[in-house]
PDB file of N, CA and C in Angstrom:
ATOM      1  N   MET A   1     111.911  55.183 116.085  1.00  0.00           N
ATOM      2  CA  MET A   1     110.853  55.127 115.110  1.00  0.00           C
ATOM      3  C   MET A   1     110.109  56.461 115.100  1.00  0.00           C
ATOM      4  N   HIS A   2     109.743  56.924 113.924  1.00  0.00           N
ATOM      5  CA  HIS A   2     109.039  58.195 113.756  1.00  0.00           C
ATOM      6  C   HIS A   2     107.545  58.019 113.991  1.00  0.00           C
ATOM      7  N   ALA A   3     106.946  59.056 114.497  1.00  0.00           N
ATOM      8  CA  ALA A   3     105.493  59.038 114.667  1.00  0.00           C
ATOM      9  C   ALA A   3     104.844  59.089 113.286  1.00  0.00           C
ATOM     10  N   PRO A   4     103.679  58.501 113.167  1.00  0.00           N
ATOM     11  CA  PRO A   4     103.014  58.539 111.862  1.00  0.00           C
ATOM     12  C   PRO A   4     102.675  59.988 111.486  1.00  0.00           C
ATOM     13  N   TYR A   5     102.672  60.256 110.196  1.00  0.00           N
ATOM     14  CA  TYR A   5     102.369  61.589 109.670  1.00  0.00           C
ATOM     15  C   TYR A   5     100.919  61.940 109.967  1.00  0.00           C
ATOM     16  N   GLU A   6     100.730  63.057 110.583  1.00  0.00           N
ATOM     17  CA  GLU A   6      99.384  63.537 110.890  1.00  0.00           C
ATOM     18  C   GLU A   6      99.212  64.920 110.282  1.00  0.00           C
ATOM     19  N   PRO A   7      98.529  65.011 109.142  1.00  0.00           N
ATOM     20  CA  PRO A   7      98.388  66.309 108.477  1.00  0.00           C
ATOM     21  C   PRO A   7      97.702  67.352 109.357  1.00  0.00           C
ATOM     22  N   ASP A   8      96.766  66.926 110.170  1.00  0.00           N
ATOM     23  CA  ASP A   8      96.069  67.893 111.026  1.00  0.00           C
ATOM     24  C   ASP A   8      97.002  68.490 112.079  1.00  0.00           C
ATOM     25  N   ALA A   9      97.919  67.697 112.597  1.00  0.00           N
ATOM     26  CA  ALA A   9      98.865  68.201 113.596  1.00  0.00           C
ATOM     27  C   ALA A   9      99.764  69.269 112.982  1.00  0.00           C
ATOM     28  N   HIS A  10     100.247  69.029 111.775  1.00  0.00           N
ATOM     29  CA  HIS A  10     101.098  70.025 111.118  1.00  0.00           C
ATOM     30  C   HIS A  10     100.307  71.276 110.776  1.00  0.00           C
ATOM     31  N   ARG A  11      99.079  71.080 110.356  1.00  0.00           N
ATOM     32  CA  ARG A  11      98.231  72.216 110.010  1.00  0.00           C
ATOM     33  C   ARG A  11      97.960  73.067 111.240  1.00  0.00           C
ATOM     34  N   SER A  12      97.653  72.424 112.364  1.00  0.00           N
ATOM     35  CA  SER A  12      97.351  73.208 113.558  1.00  0.00           C
ATOM     36  C   SER A  12      98.597  73.946 114.050  1.00  0.00           C
ATOM     37  N   ARG A  13      99.780  73.358 113.898  1.00  0.00           N
ATOM     38  CA  ARG A  13     101.008  74.038 114.297  1.00  0.00           C
ATOM     39  C   ARG A  13     101.237  75.260 113.396  1.00  0.00           C
ATOM     40  N   ARG A  14     100.982  75.091 112.092  1.00  0.00           N
ATOM     41  CA  ARG A  14     101.124  76.187 111.149  1.00  0.00           C
ATOM     42  C   ARG A  14     100.151  77.315 111.496  1.00  0.00           C
ATOM     43  N   VAL A  15      98.939  76.950 111.825  1.00  0.00           N
ATOM     44  CA  VAL A  15      97.934  77.951 112.207  1.00  0.00           C
ATOM     45  C   VAL A  15      98.378  78.698 113.459  1.00  0.00           C
ATOM     46  N   ARG A  16      98.953  77.981 114.426  1.00  0.00           N
ATOM     47  CA  ARG A  16      99.451  78.643 115.645  1.00  0.00           C
ATOM     48  C   ARG A  16     100.537  79.652 115.318  1.00  0.00           C
ATOM     49  N   TYR A  17     101.477  79.272 114.426  1.00  0.00           N
ATOM     50  CA  TYR A  17     102.549  80.197 114.047  1.00  0.00           C
ATOM     51  C   TYR A  17     101.985  81.438 113.362  1.00  0.00           C
ATOM     52  N   ILE A  18     101.022  81.225 112.479  1.00  0.00           N
ATOM     53  CA  ILE A  18     100.411  82.359 111.779  1.00  0.00           C
ATOM     54  C   ILE A  18      99.693  83.261 112.766  1.00  0.00           C
ATOM     55  N   LEU A  19      98.939  82.659 113.684  1.00  0.00           N
ATOM     56  CA  LEU A  19      98.234  83.464 114.679  1.00  0.00           C
ATOM     57  C   LEU A  19      99.197  84.253 115.559  1.00  0.00           C
ATOM     58  N   CYS A  20     100.308  83.632 115.940  1.00  0.00           N
ATOM     59  CA  CYS A  20     101.312  84.337 116.745  1.00  0.00           C
ATOM     60  C   CYS A  20     101.879  85.515 115.969  1.00  0.00           C
ATOM     61  N   ALA A  21     102.141  85.297 114.690  1.00  0.00           N
ATOM     62  CA  ALA A  21     102.693  86.374 113.869  1.00  0.00           C
ATOM     63  C   ALA A  21     101.685  87.509 113.718  1.00  0.00           C
ATOM     64  N   VAL A  22     100.414  87.167 113.574  1.00  0.00           N
ATOM     65  CA  VAL A  22      99.381  88.190 113.418  1.00  0.00           C
ATOM     66  C   VAL A  22      99.157  88.938 114.728  1.00  0.00           C
ATOM     67  N   GLU A  23      99.151  88.222 115.841  1.00  0.00           N
ATOM     68  CA  GLU A  23      98.854  88.855 117.124  1.00  0.00           C
ATOM     69  C   GLU A  23     100.039  89.638 117.685  1.00  0.00           C
ATOM     70  N   ARG A  24     101.256  89.284 117.310  1.00  0.00           N
ATOM     71  CA  ARG A  24     102.446  89.969 117.822  1.00  0.00           C
ATOM     72  C   ARG A  24     102.574  91.306 117.089  1.00  0.00           C
ATOM     73  N   PRO A  25     102.624  92.394 117.836  1.00  0.00           N
ATOM     74  CA  PRO A  25     102.730  93.689 117.156  1.00  0.00           C
ATOM     75  C   PRO A  25     104.096  93.839 116.485  1.00  0.00           C
ATOM     76  N   THR A  26     104.067  94.394 115.301  1.00  0.00           N
ATOM     77  CA  THR A  26     105.305  94.641 114.574  1.00  0.00           C
ATOM     78  C   THR A  26     105.872  95.985 114.999  1.00  0.00           C
ATOM     79  N   ARG A  27     107.061  96.253 114.541  1.00  0.00           N
ATOM     80  CA  ARG A  27     107.693  97.542 114.832  1.00  0.00           C
ATOM     81  C   ARG A  27     106.823  98.678 114.281  1.00  0.00           C
ATOM     82  N   THR A  28     106.272  98.489 113.098  1.00  0.00           N
ATOM     83  CA  THR A  28     105.404  99.501 112.504  1.00  0.00           C
ATOM     84  C   THR A  28     104.162  99.720 113.354  1.00  0.00           C
ATOM     85  N   ASP A  29     103.598  98.638 113.876  1.00  0.00           N
ATOM     86  CA  ASP A  29     102.432  98.764 114.750  1.00  0.00           C
ATOM     87  C   ASP A  29     102.766  99.607 115.979  1.00  0.00           C
ATOM     88  N   ARG A  30     103.934  99.355 116.561  1.00  0.00           N
ATOM     89  CA  ARG A  30     104.335 100.119 117.747  1.00  0.00           C
ATOM     90  C   ARG A  30     104.586 101.575 117.405  1.00  0.00           C
ATOM     91  N   VAL A  31     105.194 101.824 116.242  1.00  0.00           N
ATOM     92  CA  VAL A  31     105.430 103.204 115.806  1.00  0.00           C
ATOM     93  C   VAL A  31     104.099 103.916 115.603  1.00  0.00           C
ATOM     94  N   CYS A  32     103.144 103.240 114.998  1.00  0.00           N
ATOM     95  CA  CYS A  32     101.815 103.829 114.785  1.00  0.00           C
ATOM     96  C   CYS A  32     101.140 104.145 116.116  1.00  0.00           C
ATOM     97  N   ALA A  33     101.269 103.240 117.068  1.00  0.00           N
ATOM     98  CA  ALA A  33     100.656 103.469 118.378  1.00  0.00           C
ATOM     99  C   ALA A  33     101.283 104.671 119.073  1.00  0.00           C
ATOM    100  N   VAL A  34     102.603 104.789 118.987  1.00  0.00           N
ATOM    101  CA  VAL A  34     103.284 105.936 119.602  1.00  0.00           C
ATOM    102  C   VAL A  34     102.896 107.217 118.870  1.00  0.00           C
ATOM    103  N   ALA A  35     102.827 107.167 117.538  1.00  0.00           N
ATOM    104  CA  ALA A  35     102.428 108.351 116.760  1.00  0.00           C
ATOM    105  C   ALA A  35     101.022 108.794 117.129  1.00  0.00           C
ATOM    106  N   ALA A  36     100.118 107.835 117.274  1.00  0.00           N
ATOM    107  CA  ALA A  36      98.739 108.177 117.636  1.00  0.00           C
ATOM    108  C   ALA A  36      98.680 108.787 119.034  1.00  0.00           C
ATOM    109  N   ALA A  37      99.416 108.206 119.972  1.00  0.00           N
ATOM    110  CA  ALA A  37      99.425 108.742 121.335  1.00  0.00           C
ATOM    111  C   ALA A  37      99.998 110.155 121.359  1.00  0.00           C
ATOM    112  N   ALA A  38     101.092 110.362 120.630  1.00  0.00           N
ATOM    113  CA  ALA A  38     101.702 111.695 120.569  1.00  0.00           C
ATOM    114  C   ALA A  38     100.750 112.692 119.920  1.00  0.00           C
ATOM    115  N   ALA A  39     100.062 112.264 118.873  1.00  0.00           N
ATOM    116  CA  ALA A  39      99.118 113.159 118.191  1.00  0.00           C
ATOM    117  C   ALA A  39      97.960 113.541 119.111  1.00  0.00           C
ATOM    118  N   HIS A  40      97.472 112.596 119.895  1.00  0.00           N
ATOM    119  CA  HIS A  40      96.400 112.910 120.847  1.00  0.00           C
ATOM    120  C   HIS A  40      96.881 113.910 121.890  1.00  0.00           C
ATOM    121  N   ASP A  41      98.085 113.687 122.421  1.00  0.00           N
ATOM    122  CA  ASP A  41      98.643 114.622 123.402  1.00  0.00           C
ATOM    123  C   ASP A  41      98.847 116.000 122.792  1.00  0.00           C
ATOM    124  N   LEU A  42      99.343 116.034 121.557  1.00  0.00           N
ATOM    125  CA  LEU A  42      99.555 117.301 120.864  1.00  0.00           C
ATOM    126  C   LEU A  42      98.228 118.027 120.665  1.00  0.00           C
ATOM    127  N   ASN A  43      97.200 117.301 120.284  1.00  0.00           N
ATOM    128  CA  ASN A  43      95.879 117.922 120.117  1.00  0.00           C
ATOM    129  C   ASN A  43      95.376 118.534 121.424  1.00  0.00           C
ATOM    130  N   ASP A  44      95.613 117.841 122.531  1.00  0.00           N
ATOM    131  CA  ASP A  44      95.204 118.381 123.828  1.00  0.00           C
ATOM    132  C   ASP A  44      95.903 119.706 124.107  1.00  0.00           C
ATOM    133  N   GLU A  45      97.211 119.761 123.859  1.00  0.00           N
ATOM    134  CA  GLU A  45      97.971 120.995 124.100  1.00  0.00           C
ATOM    135  C   GLU A  45      97.559 122.096 123.133  1.00  0.00           C
ATOM    136  N   LEU A  46      97.297 121.731 121.887  1.00  0.00           N
ATOM    137  CA  LEU A  46      96.878 122.725 120.898  1.00  0.00           C
ATOM    138  C   LEU A  46      95.522 123.325 121.246  1.00  0.00           C
ATOM    139  N   THR A  47      94.667 122.534 121.842  1.00  0.00           N
ATOM    140  CA  THR A  47      93.366 123.052 122.275  1.00  0.00           C
ATOM    141  C   THR A  47      93.554 124.160 123.305  1.00  0.00           C
ATOM    142  N   VAL A  48      94.463 123.939 124.238  1.00  0.00           N
ATOM    143  CA  VAL A  48      94.754 124.959 125.257  1.00  0.00           C
ATOM    144  C   VAL A  48      95.332 126.207 124.591  1.00  0.00           C
ATOM    145  N   ILE A  49      96.279 126.011 123.678  1.00  0.00           N
ATOM    146  CA  ILE A  49      96.913 127.153 123.003  1.00  0.00           C
ATOM    147  C   ILE A  49      95.885 127.942 122.208  1.00  0.00           C
ATOM    148  N   LEU A  50      95.075 127.247 121.414  1.00  0.00           N
ATOM    149  CA  LEU A  50      94.096 127.946 120.579  1.00  0.00           C
ATOM    150  C   LEU A  50      93.039 128.659 121.420  1.00  0.00           C
ATOM    151  N   THR A  51      92.639 128.049 122.514  1.00  0.00           N
ATOM    152  CA  THR A  51      91.666 128.702 123.399  1.00  0.00           C
ATOM    153  C   THR A  51      92.272 129.956 124.018  1.00  0.00           C
ATOM    154  N   SER A  52      93.514 129.876 124.448  1.00  0.00           N
ATOM    155  CA  SER A  52      94.179 131.033 125.049  1.00  0.00           C
ATOM    156  C   SER A  52      94.373 132.152 124.031  1.00  0.00           C
ATOM    157  N   VAL A  53      94.764 131.797 122.816  1.00  0.00           N
ATOM    158  CA  VAL A  53      94.953 132.809 121.770  1.00  0.00           C
ATOM    159  C   VAL A  53      93.633 133.485 121.434  1.00  0.00           C
ATOM    160  N   THR A  54      92.584 132.698 121.306  1.00  0.00           N
ATOM    161  CA  THR A  54      91.265 133.255 120.989  1.00  0.00           C
ATOM    162  C   THR A  54      90.808 134.202 122.092  1.00  0.00           C
ATOM    163  N   ASP A  55      90.969 133.797 123.340  1.00  0.00           N
ATOM    164  CA  ASP A  55      90.589 134.660 124.466  1.00  0.00           C
ATOM    165  C   ASP A  55      91.405 135.943 124.476  1.00  0.00           C
ATOM    166  N   ALA A  56      92.706 135.825 124.209  1.00  0.00           N
ATOM    167  CA  ALA A  56      93.565 137.012 124.202  1.00  0.00           C
ATOM    168  C   ALA A  56      93.174 137.965 123.080  1.00  0.00           C
ATOM    169  N   MET A  57      92.854 137.417 121.922  1.00  0.00           N
ATOM    170  CA  MET A  57      92.452 138.279 120.797  1.00  0.00           C
ATOM    171  C   MET A  57      91.146 138.991 121.087  1.00  0.00           C
ATOM    172  N   ARG A  58      90.232 138.319 121.748  1.00  0.00           N
ATOM    173  CA  ARG A  58      88.950 138.946 122.089  1.00  0.00           C
ATOM    174  C   ARG A  58      89.130 140.081 123.097  1.00  0.00           C
ATOM    175  N   SER A  59      90.139 139.958 123.954  1.00  0.00           N
ATOM    176  CA  SER A  59      90.335 140.976 124.989  1.00  0.00           C
ATOM    177  C   SER A  59      91.089 142.200 124.473  1.00  0.00           C
ATOM    178  N   LEU A  60      91.729 142.082 123.315  1.00  0.00           N
ATOM    179  CA  LEU A  60      92.485 143.205 122.773  1.00  0.00           C
ATOM    180  C   LEU A  60      91.616 144.041 121.838  1.00  0.00           C
ATOM    181  N   PRO A  61      91.817 145.343 121.860  1.00  0.00           N
ATOM    182  CA  PRO A  61      91.057 146.187 120.932  1.00  0.00           C
ATOM    183  C   PRO A  61      91.529 145.975 119.489  1.00  0.00           C
ATOM    184  N   VAL A  62      90.634 146.206 118.548  1.00  0.00           N
ATOM    185  CA  VAL A  62      90.977 146.091 117.131  1.00  0.00           C
ATOM    186  C   VAL A  62      92.133 147.055 116.839  1.00  0.00           C
ATOM    187  N   GLY A  63      93.104 146.593 116.101  1.00  0.00           N
ATOM    188  CA  GLY A  63      94.242 147.426 115.753  1.00  0.00           C
ATOM    189  C   GLY A  63      95.411 147.328 116.729  1.00  0.00           C
ATOM    190  N   HIS A  64      95.242 146.598 117.804  1.00  0.00           N
ATOM    191  CA  HIS A  64      96.334 146.435 118.770  1.00  0.00           C
ATOM    192  C   HIS A  64      97.471 145.672 118.095  1.00  0.00           C
ATOM    193  N   PRO A  65      98.734 146.113 118.283  1.00  0.00           N
ATOM    194  CA  PRO A  65      99.861 145.464 117.599  1.00  0.00           C
ATOM    195  C   PRO A  65     100.052 143.978 117.974  1.00  0.00           C
ATOM    196  N   ALA A  66      99.632 143.564 119.138  1.00  0.00           N
ATOM    197  CA  ALA A  66      99.795 142.169 119.552  1.00  0.00           C
ATOM    198  C   ALA A  66      98.861 141.231 118.794  1.00  0.00           C
ATOM    199  N   ARG A  67      97.798 141.780 118.209  1.00  0.00           N
ATOM    200  CA  ARG A  67      96.848 140.933 117.480  1.00  0.00           C
ATOM    201  C   ARG A  67      97.520 140.220 116.298  1.00  0.00           C
ATOM    202  N   LEU A  68      98.445 140.913 115.620  1.00  0.00           N
ATOM    203  CA  LEU A  68      99.140 140.291 114.491  1.00  0.00           C
ATOM    204  C   LEU A  68      99.987 139.104 114.958  1.00  0.00           C
ATOM    205  N   LEU A  69     100.641 139.260 116.083  1.00  0.00           N
ATOM    206  CA  LEU A  69     101.425 138.153 116.637  1.00  0.00           C
ATOM    207  C   LEU A  69     100.527 136.990 117.036  1.00  0.00           C
ATOM    208  N   LEU A  70      99.383 137.318 117.627  1.00  0.00           N
ATOM    209  CA  LEU A  70      98.440 136.272 118.026  1.00  0.00           C
ATOM    210  C   LEU A  70      97.859 135.551 116.810  1.00  0.00           C
ATOM    211  N   LEU A  71      97.622 136.300 115.727  1.00  0.00           N
ATOM    212  CA  LEU A  71      97.130 135.665 114.495  1.00  0.00           C
ATOM    213  C   LEU A  71      98.172 134.699 113.935  1.00  0.00           C
ATOM    214  N   ASP A  72      99.462 135.078 113.993  1.00  0.00           N
ATOM    215  CA  ASP A  72     100.528 134.173 113.552  1.00  0.00           C
ATOM    216  C   ASP A  72     100.556 132.921 114.419  1.00  0.00           C
ATOM    217  N   LEU A  73     100.422 133.117 115.726  1.00  0.00           N
ATOM    218  CA  LEU A  73     100.406 131.984 116.651  1.00  0.00           C
ATOM    219  C   LEU A  73      99.212 131.068 116.377  1.00  0.00           C
ATOM    220  N   GLN A  74      98.065 131.668 116.138  1.00  0.00           N
ATOM    221  CA  GLN A  74      96.862 130.886 115.844  1.00  0.00           C
ATOM    222  C   GLN A  74      97.035 130.087 114.548  1.00  0.00           C
ATOM    223  N   SER A  75      97.620 130.722 113.539  1.00  0.00           N
ATOM    224  CA  SER A  75      97.844 130.046 112.265  1.00  0.00           C
ATOM    225  C   SER A  75      98.814 128.866 112.435  1.00  0.00           C
ATOM    226  N   ALA A  76      99.881 129.069 113.199  1.00  0.00           N
ATOM    227  CA  ALA A  76     100.844 127.982 113.447  1.00  0.00           C
ATOM    228  C   ALA A  76     100.179 126.834 114.204  1.00  0.00           C
ATOM    229  N   ALA A  77      99.348 127.153 115.170  1.00  0.00           N
ATOM    230  CA  ALA A  77      98.662 126.113 115.942  1.00  0.00           C
ATOM    231  C   ALA A  77      97.705 125.319 115.051  1.00  0.00           C
ATOM    232  N   HIS A  78      97.040 125.993 114.125  1.00  0.00           N
ATOM    233  CA  HIS A  78      96.146 125.286 113.195  1.00  0.00           C
ATOM    234  C   HIS A  78      96.949 124.365 112.269  1.00  0.00           C
ATOM    235  N   ARG A  79      98.123 124.808 111.835  1.00  0.00           N
ATOM    236  CA  ARG A  79      98.975 123.940 111.003  1.00  0.00           C
ATOM    237  C   ARG A  79      99.416 122.709 111.788  1.00  0.00           C
ATOM    238  N   CYS A  80      99.765 122.909 113.043  1.00  0.00           N
ATOM    239  CA  CYS A  80     100.152 121.766 113.896  1.00  0.00           C
ATOM    240  C   CYS A  80      98.976 120.808 114.069  1.00  0.00           C
ATOM    241  N   ALA A  81      97.785 121.350 114.248  1.00  0.00           N
ATOM    242  CA  ALA A  81      96.597 120.506 114.402  1.00  0.00           C
ATOM    243  C   ALA A  81      96.365 119.691 113.128  1.00  0.00           C
ATOM    244  N   TRP A  82      96.602 120.292 111.981  1.00  0.00           N
ATOM    245  CA  TRP A  82      96.446 119.580 110.707  1.00  0.00           C
ATOM    246  C   TRP A  82      97.442 118.427 110.624  1.00  0.00           C
ATOM    247  N   LYS A  83      98.683 118.668 111.056  1.00  0.00           N
ATOM    248  CA  LYS A  83      99.708 117.617 111.028  1.00  0.00           C
ATOM    249  C   LYS A  83      99.380 116.505 112.033  1.00  0.00           C
ATOM    250  N   ALA A  84      98.884 116.875 113.189  1.00  0.00           N
ATOM    251  CA  ALA A  84      98.488 115.869 114.180  1.00  0.00           C
ATOM    252  C   ALA A  84      97.344 115.020 113.634  1.00  0.00           C
ATOM    253  N   SER A  85      96.439 115.668 112.929  1.00  0.00           N
ATOM    254  CA  SER A  85      95.325 114.938 112.309  1.00  0.00           C
ATOM    255  C   SER A  85      95.857 113.933 111.288  1.00  0.00           C
ATOM    256  N   GLY A  86      96.878 114.314 110.545  1.00  0.00           N
ATOM    257  CA  GLY A  86      97.493 113.397 109.585  1.00  0.00           C
ATOM    258  C   GLY A  86      98.108 112.190 110.273  1.00  0.00           C
ATOM    259  N   LEU A  87      98.764 112.422 111.423  1.00  0.00           N
ATOM    260  CA  LEU A  87      99.324 111.306 112.185  1.00  0.00           C
ATOM    261  C   LEU A  87      98.229 110.363 112.674  1.00  0.00           C
ATOM    262  N   LEU A  88      97.140 110.942 113.151  1.00  0.00           N
ATOM    263  CA  LEU A  88      96.029 110.112 113.625  1.00  0.00           C
ATOM    264  C   LEU A  88      95.420 109.304 112.486  1.00  0.00           C
ATOM    265  N   ASN A  89      95.271 109.922 111.326  1.00  0.00           N
ATOM    266  CA  ASN A  89      94.726 109.198 110.172  1.00  0.00           C
ATOM    267  C   ASN A  89      95.661 108.083 109.733  1.00  0.00           C
ATOM    268  N   PHE A  90      96.973 108.347 109.729  1.00  0.00           N
ATOM    269  CA  PHE A  90      97.954 107.319 109.376  1.00  0.00           C
ATOM    270  C   PHE A  90      97.849 106.134 110.328  1.00  0.00           C
ATOM    271  N   ALA A  91      97.802 106.429 111.620  1.00  0.00           N
ATOM    272  CA  ALA A  91      97.723 105.364 112.622  1.00  0.00           C
ATOM    273  C   ALA A  91      96.418 104.583 112.481  1.00  0.00           C
ATOM    274  N   ALA A  92      95.329 105.286 112.207  1.00  0.00           N
ATOM    275  CA  ALA A  92      94.031 104.610 112.062  1.00  0.00           C
ATOM    276  C   ALA A  92      94.029 103.689 110.839  1.00  0.00           C
ATOM    277  N   ARG A  93      94.633 104.144 109.746  1.00  0.00           N
ATOM    278  CA  ARG A  93      94.694 103.297 108.544  1.00  0.00           C
ATOM    279  C   ARG A  93      95.523 102.049 108.795  1.00  0.00           C
ATOM    280  N   ARG A  94      96.511 102.139 109.666  1.00  0.00           N
ATOM    281  CA  ARG A  94      97.355 100.988 109.992  1.00  0.00           C
ATOM    282  C   ARG A  94      96.699 100.102 111.051  1.00  0.00           C
ATOM    283  N   GLY A  95      95.548 100.528 111.562  1.00  0.00           N
ATOM    284  CA  GLY A  95      94.832  99.707 112.527  1.00  0.00           C
ATOM    285  C   GLY A  95      95.250  99.926 113.960  1.00  0.00           C
ATOM    286  N   ALA A  96      95.943 101.018 114.250  1.00  0.00           N
ATOM    287  CA  ALA A  96      96.346 101.288 115.640  1.00  0.00           C
ATOM    288  C   ALA A  96      95.105 101.540 116.481  1.00  0.00           C
ATOM    289  N   ARG A  97      95.118 100.968 117.654  1.00  0.00           N
ATOM    290  CA  ARG A  97      94.001 101.150 118.582  1.00  0.00           C
ATOM    291  C   ARG A  97      94.539 101.786 119.856  1.00  0.00           C
ATOM    292  N   PRO A  98      93.756 102.686 120.445  1.00  0.00           N
ATOM    293  CA  PRO A  98      94.222 103.307 121.688  1.00  0.00           C
ATOM    294  C   PRO A  98      94.433 102.265 122.778  1.00  0.00           C
ATOM    295  N   SER A  99      95.499 102.427 123.519  1.00  0.00           N
ATOM    296  CA  SER A  99      95.754 101.568 124.670  1.00  0.00           C
ATOM    297  C   SER A  99      96.592 102.348 125.662  1.00  0.00           C
ATOM    298  N   SER A 100      96.600 101.873 126.875  1.00  0.00           N
ATOM    299  CA  SER A 100      97.347 102.545 127.925  1.00  0.00           C
ATOM    300  C   SER A 100      98.751 101.952 127.996  1.00  0.00           C
ATOM    301  N   ALA A 101      99.755 102.817 127.944  1.00  0.00           N
ATOM    302  CA  ALA A 101     101.138 102.359 128.038  1.00  0.00           C
ATOM    303  C   ALA A 101     102.008 103.508 128.519  1.00  0.00           C
ATOM    304  N   THR A 102     103.025 103.160 129.253  1.00  0.00           N
ATOM    305  CA  THR A 102     103.987 104.173 129.665  1.00  0.00           C
ATOM    306  C   THR A 102     105.093 104.242 128.627  1.00  0.00           C
ATOM    307  N   MET A 103     105.744 105.377 128.541  1.00  0.00           N
ATOM    308  CA  MET A 103     106.848 105.528 127.599  1.00  0.00           C
ATOM    309  C   MET A 103     107.972 104.539 127.925  1.00  0.00           C
ATOM    310  N   GLU A 104     108.192 104.302 129.219  1.00  0.00           N
ATOM    311  CA  GLU A 104     109.237 103.364 129.622  1.00  0.00           C
ATOM    312  C   GLU A 104     108.971 101.965 129.066  1.00  0.00           C
ATOM    313  N   ARG A 105     107.705 101.536 129.153  1.00  0.00           N
ATOM    314  CA  ARG A 105     107.363 100.202 128.646  1.00  0.00           C
ATOM    315  C   ARG A 105     107.557 100.120 127.138  1.00  0.00           C
ATOM    316  N   LEU A 106     107.173 101.163 126.425  1.00  0.00           N
ATOM    317  CA  LEU A 106     107.335 101.160 124.981  1.00  0.00           C
ATOM    318  C   LEU A 106     108.794 101.110 124.582  1.00  0.00           C
ATOM    319  N   VAL A 107     109.641 101.859 125.303  1.00  0.00           N
ATOM    320  CA  VAL A 107     111.069 101.840 125.004  1.00  0.00           C
ATOM    321  C   VAL A 107     111.665 100.474 125.315  1.00  0.00           C
ATOM    322  N   GLU A 108     111.273  99.891 126.443  1.00  0.00           N
ATOM    323  CA  GLU A 108     111.769  98.557 126.798  1.00  0.00           C
ATOM    324  C   GLU A 108     111.396  97.534 125.740  1.00  0.00           C
ATOM    325  N   GLU A 109     110.153  97.585 125.256  1.00  0.00           N
ATOM    326  CA  GLU A 109     109.713  96.636 124.237  1.00  0.00           C
ATOM    327  C   GLU A 109     110.510  96.820 122.951  1.00  0.00           C
ATOM    328  N   GLU A 110     110.801  98.059 122.619  1.00  0.00           N
ATOM    329  CA  GLU A 110     111.532  98.340 121.394  1.00  0.00           C
ATOM    330  C   GLU A 110     112.980  97.861 121.476  1.00  0.00           C
ATOM    331  N   LEU A 111     113.566  97.931 122.665  1.00  0.00           N
ATOM    332  CA  LEU A 111     114.955  97.532 122.827  1.00  0.00           C
ATOM    333  C   LEU A 111     115.148  96.025 122.903  1.00  0.00           C
ATOM    334  N   ARG A 112     114.082  95.286 123.102  1.00  0.00           N
ATOM    335  CA  ARG A 112     114.201  93.812 123.161  1.00  0.00           C
ATOM    336  C   ARG A 112     114.524  93.227 121.835  1.00  0.00           C
TER     337      ARG A 112
END
C-alpha cells in the first residue's frame, strides 16, 4: 500500500534539491575562484616588478640606455595588471569569494 500523498513532503524534498544545486559549486564557480586566486598572485608579483623597475629607473641618470628597456618593462607590467584586474572583476561579477585552497585540492575536485 502506498503512503498517502503529502504535498509538504514533496515540496520540502524539492527545496532540498534546489538548495543542494545552489550550494554546490559549479565548474564555472571553480574556474572563477581559480582565476581570482591567480589574479591576486599575479598582482602580488607585479607589485614587486613595478617597485623594482621604479627604483632602478630612479637610480639611473637621465638618458641612460637602460631606461628605455625599463620603460618597456614597466609598460608591460601595467598591461598585465590591467588584465589581472579584468580577471578579478569577472570573478567578482560571478560571485567568487576568496577562500583558502591548495592547487592539489582544486585539481582533485575537478577530476571527480
